[in-house]
Structures are given as C-alpha cells and as structure tokens.
Amino acid sequence: MKTVQISLNSIDKVKSFVNAITQFDYDFDLISGRYVIDAKSIMGIFSLDLSKPIDLAIHVESDVDEILEALKPYLV
C-alpha cells in the first residue's frame, strides 16, 4: 500500500480524479481525519472537507509508477 496527499479543491478536479482512478482495478481510499471513503465514489468525496489536502491510500503492490503518473495533477 502507498499513501500520497492529493488536493481536490474544485468540482472539475473531483470529476477528473474519479475518471482517472476508475481505469485501475485497484482499491483506493480517501482518508480525512477519522473518515475513510472509497475514492471512486463521487458522492463520498463530496462528503469530505475538500478545502485542505486529503490522504489517498492506494492498495497496490505493483504499477505504482503508472498510477502516480495518472495522479500527477492532484498530488500536493
């Protein structure tokens, strides 16, 4: 598992982020305080405080570089 910080401070960023990670068959969790939600859930993302960076847990052993390349626009 790898954890990175991302910023989703606009509606367009949330939409493009979900589109980017749904192309991967791995599990992604967003962690904000004590809340953990499925990162592929747009409704779940909007339940978080998007004004500050959020931790993204990527549950994967391989293909990390490919995933991080796709997530570059959102990384803090």
C-alpha atoms as a PDB file:
ATOM      1  CA  MET A   1       0.000   0.000   0.000  1.00  0.00           C
ATOM      2  CA  LYS A   2       1.172   3.518  -0.808  1.00  0.00           C
ATOM      3  CA  THR A   3      -0.198   6.747   0.663  1.00  0.00           C
ATOM      4  CA  VAL A   4       0.039  10.166  -1.009  1.00  0.00           C
ATOM      5  CA  GLN A   5      -1.559  13.545  -0.375  1.00  0.00           C
ATOM      6  CA  ILE A   6      -3.869  14.997  -3.003  1.00  0.00           C
ATOM      7  CA  SER A   7      -5.835  18.196  -3.447  1.00  0.00           C
ATOM      8  CA  LEU A   8      -9.369  18.152  -4.877  1.00  0.00           C
ATOM      9  CA  ASN A   9     -10.382  21.785  -4.471  1.00  0.00           C
ATOM     10  CA  SER A  10     -12.879  22.061  -7.351  1.00  0.00           C
ATOM     11  CA  ILE A  11     -15.794  20.103  -8.781  1.00  0.00           C
ATOM     12  CA  ASP A  12     -13.955  19.604 -12.089  1.00  0.00           C
ATOM     13  CA  LYS A  13     -10.918  18.215 -10.263  1.00  0.00           C
ATOM     14  CA  VAL A  14     -13.104  15.717  -8.392  1.00  0.00           C
ATOM     15  CA  LYS A  15     -14.728  14.520 -11.637  1.00  0.00           C
ATOM     16  CA  SER A  16     -11.436  14.139 -13.499  1.00  0.00           C
ATOM     17  CA  PHE A  17      -9.818  12.449 -10.450  1.00  0.00           C
ATOM     18  CA  VAL A  18     -12.573   9.818 -10.272  1.00  0.00           C
ATOM     19  CA  ASN A  19     -12.322   9.249 -14.039  1.00  0.00           C
ATOM     20  CA  ALA A  20      -8.540   8.827 -13.730  1.00  0.00           C
ATOM     21  CA  ILE A  21      -8.639   6.225 -10.950  1.00  0.00           C
ATOM     22  CA  THR A  22     -11.591   4.204 -12.247  1.00  0.00           C
ATOM     23  CA  GLN A  23      -9.363   2.984 -15.092  1.00  0.00           C
ATOM     24  CA  PHE A  24      -7.395   0.989 -12.498  1.00  0.00           C
ATOM     25  CA  ASP A  25      -8.738  -2.224 -10.939  1.00  0.00           C
ATOM     26  CA  TYR A  26      -7.230  -1.477  -7.535  1.00  0.00           C
ATOM     27  CA  ASP A  27      -8.801  -0.158  -4.339  1.00  0.00           C
ATOM     28  CA  PHE A  28      -8.313   3.498  -3.461  1.00  0.00           C
ATOM     29  CA  ASP A  29      -9.356   5.056  -0.133  1.00  0.00           C
ATOM     30  CA  LEU A  30      -9.502   8.722   0.778  1.00  0.00           C
ATOM     31  CA  ILE A  31      -8.694   9.442   4.418  1.00  0.00           C
ATOM     32  CA  SER A  32      -9.687  12.730   6.026  1.00  0.00           C
ATOM     33  CA  GLY A  33      -9.452  12.748   9.804  1.00  0.00           C
ATOM     34  CA  ARG A  34     -11.397   9.739  11.047  1.00  0.00           C
ATOM     35  CA  TYR A  35     -13.330   9.288   7.797  1.00  0.00           C
ATOM     36  CA  VAL A  36     -12.284   6.700   5.214  1.00  0.00           C
ATOM     37  CA  ILE A  37     -14.246   6.597   1.959  1.00  0.00           C
ATOM     38  CA  ASP A  38     -13.957   4.832  -1.389  1.00  0.00           C
ATOM     39  CA  ALA A  39     -12.044   7.210  -3.678  1.00  0.00           C
ATOM     40  CA  LYS A  40     -14.095   6.030  -6.685  1.00  0.00           C
ATOM     41  CA  SER A  41     -17.284   7.412  -5.095  1.00  0.00           C
ATOM     42  CA  ILE A  42     -18.048  10.970  -6.195  1.00  0.00           C
ATOM     43  CA  MET A  43     -20.755  11.298  -3.527  1.00  0.00           C
ATOM     44  CA  GLY A  44     -18.327  10.087  -0.879  1.00  0.00           C
ATOM     45  CA  ILE A  45     -15.682  12.593  -1.954  1.00  0.00           C
ATOM     46  CA  PHE A  46     -18.135  15.479  -1.675  1.00  0.00           C
ATOM     47  CA  SER A  47     -18.857  14.461   1.934  1.00  0.00           C
ATOM     48  CA  LEU A  48     -15.243  15.345   2.847  1.00  0.00           C
ATOM     49  CA  ASP A  49     -13.687  18.733   3.594  1.00  0.00           C
ATOM     50  CA  LEU A  50     -12.093  19.499   0.226  1.00  0.00           C
ATOM     51  CA  SER A  51     -10.527  22.791   1.326  1.00  0.00           C
ATOM     52  CA  LYS A  52      -7.393  21.005   2.570  1.00  0.00           C
ATOM     53  CA  PRO A  53      -5.247  18.132   1.248  1.00  0.00           C
ATOM     54  CA  ILE A  54      -6.575  14.582   1.680  1.00  0.00           C
ATOM     55  CA  ASP A  55      -4.605  11.350   2.103  1.00  0.00           C
ATOM     56  CA  LEU A  56      -5.080   8.822  -0.699  1.00  0.00           C
ATOM     57  CA  ALA A  57      -4.297   5.196   0.177  1.00  0.00           C
ATOM     58  CA  ILE A  58      -3.511   3.115  -2.910  1.00  0.00           C
ATOM     59  CA  HIS A  59      -3.893  -0.608  -2.223  1.00  0.00           C
ATOM     60  CA  VAL A  60      -1.452  -1.979  -4.789  1.00  0.00           C
ATOM     61  CA  GLU A  61       1.856  -3.824  -4.861  1.00  0.00           C
ATOM     62  CA  SER A  62       2.808  -3.147  -8.492  1.00  0.00           C
ATOM     63  CA  ASP A  63       2.040  -0.493 -11.142  1.00  0.00           C
ATOM     64  CA  VAL A  64       2.625   2.256  -8.550  1.00  0.00           C
ATOM     65  CA  ASP A  65       4.559   4.418 -11.035  1.00  0.00           C
ATOM     66  CA  GLU A  66       1.768   4.207 -13.614  1.00  0.00           C
ATOM     67  CA  ILE A  67      -0.844   5.192 -11.013  1.00  0.00           C
ATOM     68  CA  LEU A  68       1.244   8.093  -9.678  1.00  0.00           C
ATOM     69  CA  GLU A  69       1.719   9.359 -13.242  1.00  0.00           C
ATOM     70  CA  ALA A  70      -2.080   9.404 -13.711  1.00  0.00           C
ATOM     71  CA  LEU A  71      -2.484  11.205 -10.365  1.00  0.00           C
ATOM     72  CA  LYS A  72       0.164  13.891 -11.011  1.00  0.00           C
ATOM     73  CA  PRO A  73      -2.324  16.774 -11.459  1.00  0.00           C
ATOM     74  CA  TYR A  74      -3.796  16.097  -7.994  1.00  0.00           C
ATOM     75  CA  LEU A  75      -0.662  15.434  -5.929  1.00  0.00           C
ATOM     76  CA  VAL A  76       0.306  18.030  -3.316  1.00  0.00           C
END
